[in-house]
Amino acid sequence: MITESNIANFDANMKEYVSKARDAVAKCDAVSEMKDEKINKISKERLVGAGKGDIDTS
């Protein structure tokens, strides 16, 4: 039987699940952004390192 109490509990549970899902997505986005930054840093370091032997400074 559907009651006001059941509806209120369902609503509260759904709000909690949505909140947790949003937190999880935010954490995934943050990790993804950190990985992108690390990849960019490594790529730049490799590009700079690759060019060192090509330049004649004598």
PDB file of N, CA and C in Angstrom:
ATOM      1  N   MET A   1       0.838  -1.178   0.000  1.00  0.00           N
ATOM      2  CA  MET A   1       0.000   0.000   0.000  1.00  0.00           C
ATOM      3  C   MET A   1       0.893   1.254   0.000  1.00  0.00           C
ATOM      4  N   ILE A   2       0.549   2.175  -0.825  1.00  0.00           N
ATOM      5  CA  ILE A   2       1.292   3.428  -0.905  1.00  0.00           C
ATOM      6  C   ILE A   2       0.760   4.391   0.146  1.00  0.00           C
ATOM      7  N   THR A   3       1.686   4.872   0.962  1.00  0.00           N
ATOM      8  CA  THR A   3       1.301   5.830   2.006  1.00  0.00           C
ATOM      9  C   THR A   3       2.174   7.069   1.896  1.00  0.00           C
ATOM     10  N   GLU A   4       1.779   8.103   2.587  1.00  0.00           N
ATOM     11  CA  GLU A   4       2.576   9.336   2.611  1.00  0.00           C
ATOM     12  C   GLU A   4       3.971   9.061   3.155  1.00  0.00           C
ATOM     13  N   SER A   5       4.039   8.195   4.142  1.00  0.00           N
ATOM     14  CA  SER A   5       5.323   7.849   4.751  1.00  0.00           C
ATOM     15  C   SER A   5       6.232   7.146   3.742  1.00  0.00           C
ATOM     16  N   ASN A   6       5.657   6.211   2.977  1.00  0.00           N
ATOM     17  CA  ASN A   6       6.442   5.506   1.959  1.00  0.00           C
ATOM     18  C   ASN A   6       6.965   6.472   0.905  1.00  0.00           C
ATOM     19  N   ILE A   7       6.120   7.389   0.498  1.00  0.00           N
ATOM     20  CA  ILE A   7       6.514   8.377  -0.511  1.00  0.00           C
ATOM     21  C   ILE A   7       7.626   9.266   0.036  1.00  0.00           C
ATOM     22  N   ALA A   8       7.495   9.688   1.278  1.00  0.00           N
ATOM     23  CA  ALA A   8       8.512  10.539   1.905  1.00  0.00           C
ATOM     24  C   ALA A   8       9.839   9.796   2.029  1.00  0.00           C
ATOM     25  N   ASN A   9       9.786   8.527   2.425  1.00  0.00           N
ATOM     26  CA  ASN A   9      11.011   7.724   2.540  1.00  0.00           C
ATOM     27  C   ASN A   9      11.660   7.529   1.177  1.00  0.00           C
ATOM     28  N   PHE A  10      10.843   7.221   0.183  1.00  0.00           N
ATOM     29  CA  PHE A  10      11.360   7.049  -1.170  1.00  0.00           C
ATOM     30  C   PHE A  10      12.032   8.331  -1.651  1.00  0.00           C
ATOM     31  N   ASP A  11      11.384   9.455  -1.433  1.00  0.00           N
ATOM     32  CA  ASP A  11      11.921  10.749  -1.847  1.00  0.00           C
ATOM     33  C   ASP A  11      13.251  11.030  -1.150  1.00  0.00           C
ATOM     34  N   ALA A  12      13.309  10.772   0.144  1.00  0.00           N
ATOM     35  CA  ALA A  12      14.546  11.002   0.903  1.00  0.00           C
ATOM     36  C   ALA A  12      15.665  10.098   0.399  1.00  0.00           C
ATOM     37  N   ASN A  13      15.341   8.830   0.148  1.00  0.00           N
ATOM     38  CA  ASN A  13      16.353   7.894  -0.354  1.00  0.00           C
ATOM     39  C   ASN A  13      16.860   8.304  -1.729  1.00  0.00           C
ATOM     40  N   MET A  14      15.959   8.719  -2.591  1.00  0.00           N
ATOM     41  CA  MET A  14      16.366   9.130  -3.937  1.00  0.00           C
ATOM     42  C   MET A  14      17.264  10.360  -3.882  1.00  0.00           C
ATOM     43  N   LYS A  15      16.945  11.307  -3.007  1.00  0.00           N
ATOM     44  CA  LYS A  15      17.787  12.499  -2.862  1.00  0.00           C
ATOM     45  C   LYS A  15      19.183  12.112  -2.390  1.00  0.00           C
ATOM     46  N   GLU A  16      19.259  11.147  -1.477  1.00  0.00           N
ATOM     47  CA  GLU A  16      20.556  10.688  -0.978  1.00  0.00           C
ATOM     48  C   GLU A  16      21.344  10.001  -2.096  1.00  0.00           C
ATOM     49  N   TYR A  17      20.679   9.143  -2.870  1.00  0.00           N
ATOM     50  CA  TYR A  17      21.350   8.451  -3.969  1.00  0.00           C
ATOM     51  C   TYR A  17      21.857   9.438  -5.018  1.00  0.00           C
ATOM     52  N   VAL A  18      21.046  10.420  -5.347  1.00  0.00           N
ATOM     53  CA  VAL A  18      21.443  11.426  -6.334  1.00  0.00           C
ATOM     54  C   VAL A  18      22.639  12.220  -5.819  1.00  0.00           C
ATOM     55  N   SER A  19      22.618  12.564  -4.546  1.00  0.00           N
ATOM     56  CA  SER A  19      23.727  13.305  -3.947  1.00  0.00           C
ATOM     57  C   SER A  19      25.019  12.490  -4.012  1.00  0.00           C
ATOM     58  N   LYS A  20      24.926  11.209  -3.671  1.00  0.00           N
ATOM     59  CA  LYS A  20      26.106  10.338  -3.723  1.00  0.00           C
ATOM     60  C   LYS A  20      26.599  10.175  -5.156  1.00  0.00           C
ATOM     61  N   ALA A  21      25.688  10.061  -6.092  1.00  0.00           N
ATOM     62  CA  ALA A  21      26.071   9.925  -7.498  1.00  0.00           C
ATOM     63  C   ALA A  21      26.782  11.185  -7.981  1.00  0.00           C
ATOM     64  N   ARG A  22      26.279  12.348  -7.600  1.00  0.00           N
ATOM     65  CA  ARG A  22      26.929  13.607  -7.988  1.00  0.00           C
ATOM     66  C   ARG A  22      28.329  13.699  -7.393  1.00  0.00           C
ATOM     67  N   ASP A  23      28.481  13.278  -6.136  1.00  0.00           N
ATOM     68  CA  ASP A  23      29.800  13.281  -5.502  1.00  0.00           C
ATOM     69  C   ASP A  23      30.759  12.355  -6.244  1.00  0.00           C
ATOM     70  N   ALA A  24      30.265  11.182  -6.623  1.00  0.00           N
ATOM     71  CA  ALA A  24      31.106  10.226  -7.343  1.00  0.00           C
ATOM     72  C   ALA A  24      31.532  10.784  -8.696  1.00  0.00           C
ATOM     73  N   VAL A  25      30.621  11.419  -9.396  1.00  0.00           N
ATOM     74  CA  VAL A  25      30.949  12.019 -10.693  1.00  0.00           C
ATOM     75  C   VAL A  25      31.975  13.130 -10.513  1.00  0.00           C
ATOM     76  N   ALA A  26      31.815  13.935  -9.477  1.00  0.00           N
ATOM     77  CA  ALA A  26      32.766  15.021  -9.214  1.00  0.00           C
ATOM     78  C   ALA A  26      34.156  14.458  -8.932  1.00  0.00           C
ATOM     79  N   LYS A  27      34.230  13.366  -8.179  1.00  0.00           N
ATOM     80  CA  LYS A  27      35.526  12.741  -7.889  1.00  0.00           C
ATOM     81  C   LYS A  27      36.153  12.196  -9.166  1.00  0.00           C
ATOM     82  N   CYS A  28      35.355  11.565 -10.006  1.00  0.00           N
ATOM     83  CA  CYS A  28      35.864  11.041 -11.277  1.00  0.00           C
ATOM     84  C   CYS A  28      36.376  12.172 -12.162  1.00  0.00           C
ATOM     85  N   ASP A  29      35.640  13.269 -12.204  1.00  0.00           N
ATOM     86  CA  ASP A  29      36.071  14.424 -12.992  1.00  0.00           C
ATOM     87  C   ASP A  29      37.389  14.973 -12.471  1.00  0.00           C
ATOM     88  N   ALA A  30      37.533  15.034 -11.146  1.00  0.00           N
ATOM     89  CA  ALA A  30      38.765  15.550 -10.550  1.00  0.00           C
ATOM     90  C   ALA A  30      39.944  14.638 -10.875  1.00  0.00           C
ATOM     91  N   VAL A  31      39.746  13.333 -10.783  1.00  0.00           N
ATOM     92  CA  VAL A  31      40.815  12.383 -11.107  1.00  0.00           C
ATOM     93  C   VAL A  31      41.176  12.486 -12.582  1.00  0.00           C
ATOM     94  N   SER A  32      40.179  12.597 -13.430  1.00  0.00           N
ATOM     95  CA  SER A  32      40.417  12.725 -14.866  1.00  0.00           C
ATOM     96  C   SER A  32      41.214  13.987 -15.170  1.00  0.00           C
ATOM     97  N   GLU A  33      40.869  15.076 -14.509  1.00  0.00           N
ATOM     98  CA  GLU A  33      41.582  16.338 -14.718  1.00  0.00           C
ATOM     99  C   GLU A  33      43.031  16.217 -14.254  1.00  0.00           C
ATOM    100  N   MET A  34      43.254  15.551 -13.106  1.00  0.00           N
ATOM    101  CA  MET A  34      44.621  15.364 -12.613  1.00  0.00           C
ATOM    102  C   MET A  34      45.426  14.516 -13.590  1.00  0.00           C
ATOM    103  N   LYS A  35      44.809  13.471 -14.140  1.00  0.00           N
ATOM    104  CA  LYS A  35      45.502  12.622 -15.107  1.00  0.00           C
ATOM    105  C   LYS A  35      45.859  13.419 -16.354  1.00  0.00           C
ATOM    106  N   ASP A  36      44.929  14.237 -16.838  1.00  0.00           N
ATOM    107  CA  ASP A  36      45.195  15.065 -18.015  1.00  0.00           C
ATOM    108  C   ASP A  36      46.357  16.011 -17.759  1.00  0.00           C
ATOM    109  N   GLU A  37      46.388  16.630 -16.570  1.00  0.00           N
ATOM    110  CA  GLU A  37      47.475  17.542 -16.230  1.00  0.00           C
ATOM    111  C   GLU A  37      48.807  16.804 -16.185  1.00  0.00           C
ATOM    112  N   LYS A  38      48.811  15.612 -15.613  1.00  0.00           N
ATOM    113  CA  LYS A  38      50.041  14.824 -15.518  1.00  0.00           C
ATOM    114  C   LYS A  38      50.517  14.404 -16.906  1.00  0.00           C
ATOM    115  N   ILE A  39      49.593  13.983 -17.753  1.00  0.00           N
ATOM    116  CA  ILE A  39      49.951  13.590 -19.124  1.00  0.00           C
ATOM    117  C   ILE A  39      50.535  14.777 -19.877  1.00  0.00           C
ATOM    118  N   ASN A  40      49.912  15.944 -19.740  1.00  0.00           N
ATOM    119  CA  ASN A  40      50.422  17.142 -20.411  1.00  0.00           C
ATOM    120  C   ASN A  40      51.813  17.497 -19.913  1.00  0.00           C
ATOM    121  N   LYS A  41      52.040  17.382 -18.605  1.00  0.00           N
ATOM    122  CA  LYS A  41      53.350  17.703 -18.030  1.00  0.00           C
ATOM    123  C   LYS A  41      54.411  16.746 -18.566  1.00  0.00           C
ATOM    124  N   ILE A  42      54.093  15.460 -18.576  1.00  0.00           N
ATOM    125  CA  ILE A  42      55.046  14.464 -19.075  1.00  0.00           C
ATOM    126  C   ILE A  42      55.326  14.695 -20.557  1.00  0.00           C
ATOM    127  N   SER A  43      54.294  14.993 -21.324  1.00  0.00           N
ATOM    128  CA  SER A  43      54.473  15.244 -22.757  1.00  0.00           C
ATOM    129  C   SER A  43      55.388  16.435 -22.987  1.00  0.00           C
ATOM    130  N   LYS A  44      55.185  17.512 -22.228  1.00  0.00           N
ATOM    131  CA  LYS A  44      56.032  18.700 -22.370  1.00  0.00           C
ATOM    132  C   LYS A  44      57.470  18.388 -21.992  1.00  0.00           C
ATOM    133  N   GLU A  45      57.664  17.615 -20.911  1.00  0.00           N
ATOM    134  CA  GLU A  45      59.014  17.253 -20.485  1.00  0.00           C
ATOM    135  C   GLU A  45      59.710  16.423 -21.559  1.00  0.00           C
ATOM    136  N   ARG A  46      58.985  15.523 -22.170  1.00  0.00           N
ATOM    137  CA  ARG A  46      59.587  14.685 -23.217  1.00  0.00           C
ATOM    138  C   ARG A  46      59.927  15.508 -24.451  1.00  0.00           C
ATOM    139  N   LEU A  47      59.052  16.451 -24.790  1.00  0.00           N
ATOM    140  CA  LEU A  47      59.334  17.312 -25.941  1.00  0.00           C
ATOM    141  C   LEU A  47      60.564  18.167 -25.689  1.00  0.00           C
ATOM    142  N   VAL A  48      60.673  18.721 -24.499  1.00  0.00           N
ATOM    143  CA  VAL A  48      61.832  19.544 -24.155  1.00  0.00           C
ATOM    144  C   VAL A  48      63.081  18.679 -24.135  1.00  0.00           C
ATOM    145  N   GLY A  49      62.986  17.494 -23.543  1.00  0.00           N
ATOM    146  CA  GLY A  49      64.131  16.587 -23.474  1.00  0.00           C
ATOM    147  C   GLY A  49      64.547  16.082 -24.841  1.00  0.00           C
ATOM    148  N   ALA A  50      63.608  15.879 -25.732  1.00  0.00           N
ATOM    149  CA  ALA A  50      63.914  15.365 -27.073  1.00  0.00           C
ATOM    150  C   ALA A  50      64.681  16.392 -27.884  1.00  0.00           C
ATOM    151  N   GLY A  51      64.436  17.649 -27.644  1.00  0.00           N
ATOM    152  CA  GLY A  51      65.094  18.693 -28.425  1.00  0.00           C
ATOM    153  C   GLY A  51      66.485  19.034 -27.950  1.00  0.00           C
ATOM    154  N   LYS A  52      66.903  18.592 -26.779  1.00  0.00           N
ATOM    155  CA  LYS A  52      68.207  18.966 -26.221  1.00  0.00           C
ATOM    156  C   LYS A  52      69.368  18.465 -27.066  1.00  0.00           C
ATOM    157  N   GLY A  53      69.266  17.276 -27.593  1.00  0.00           N
ATOM    158  CA  GLY A  53      70.365  16.723 -28.375  1.00  0.00           C
ATOM    159  C   GLY A  53      70.424  17.269 -29.786  1.00  0.00           C
ATOM    160  N   ASP A  54      69.389  17.922 -30.227  1.00  0.00           N
ATOM    161  CA  ASP A  54      69.319  18.404 -31.602  1.00  0.00           C
ATOM    162  C   ASP A  54      69.940  19.783 -31.791  1.00  0.00           C
ATOM    163  N   ILE A  55      70.180  20.495 -30.699  1.00  0.00           N
ATOM    164  CA  ILE A  55      70.663  21.870 -30.820  1.00  0.00           C
ATOM    165  C   ILE A  55      72.167  21.905 -30.592  1.00  0.00           C
ATOM    166  N   ASP A  56      72.878  22.461 -31.533  1.00  0.00           N
ATOM    167  CA  ASP A  56      74.334  22.611 -31.419  1.00  0.00           C
ATOM    168  C   ASP A  56      74.613  23.959 -30.774  1.00  0.00           C
ATOM    169  N   THR A  57      75.105  23.945 -29.550  1.00  0.00           N
ATOM    170  CA  THR A  57      75.350  25.192 -28.823  1.00  0.00           C
ATOM    171  C   THR A  57      76.808  25.609 -28.857  1.00  0.00           C
ATOM    172  N   SER A  58      77.645  24.934 -29.649  1.00  0.00           N
ATOM    173  CA  SER A  58      79.074  25.277 -29.678  1.00  0.00           C
ATOM    174  C   SER A  58      79.364  26.483 -30.533  1.00  0.00           C
TER     175      SER A  58
END
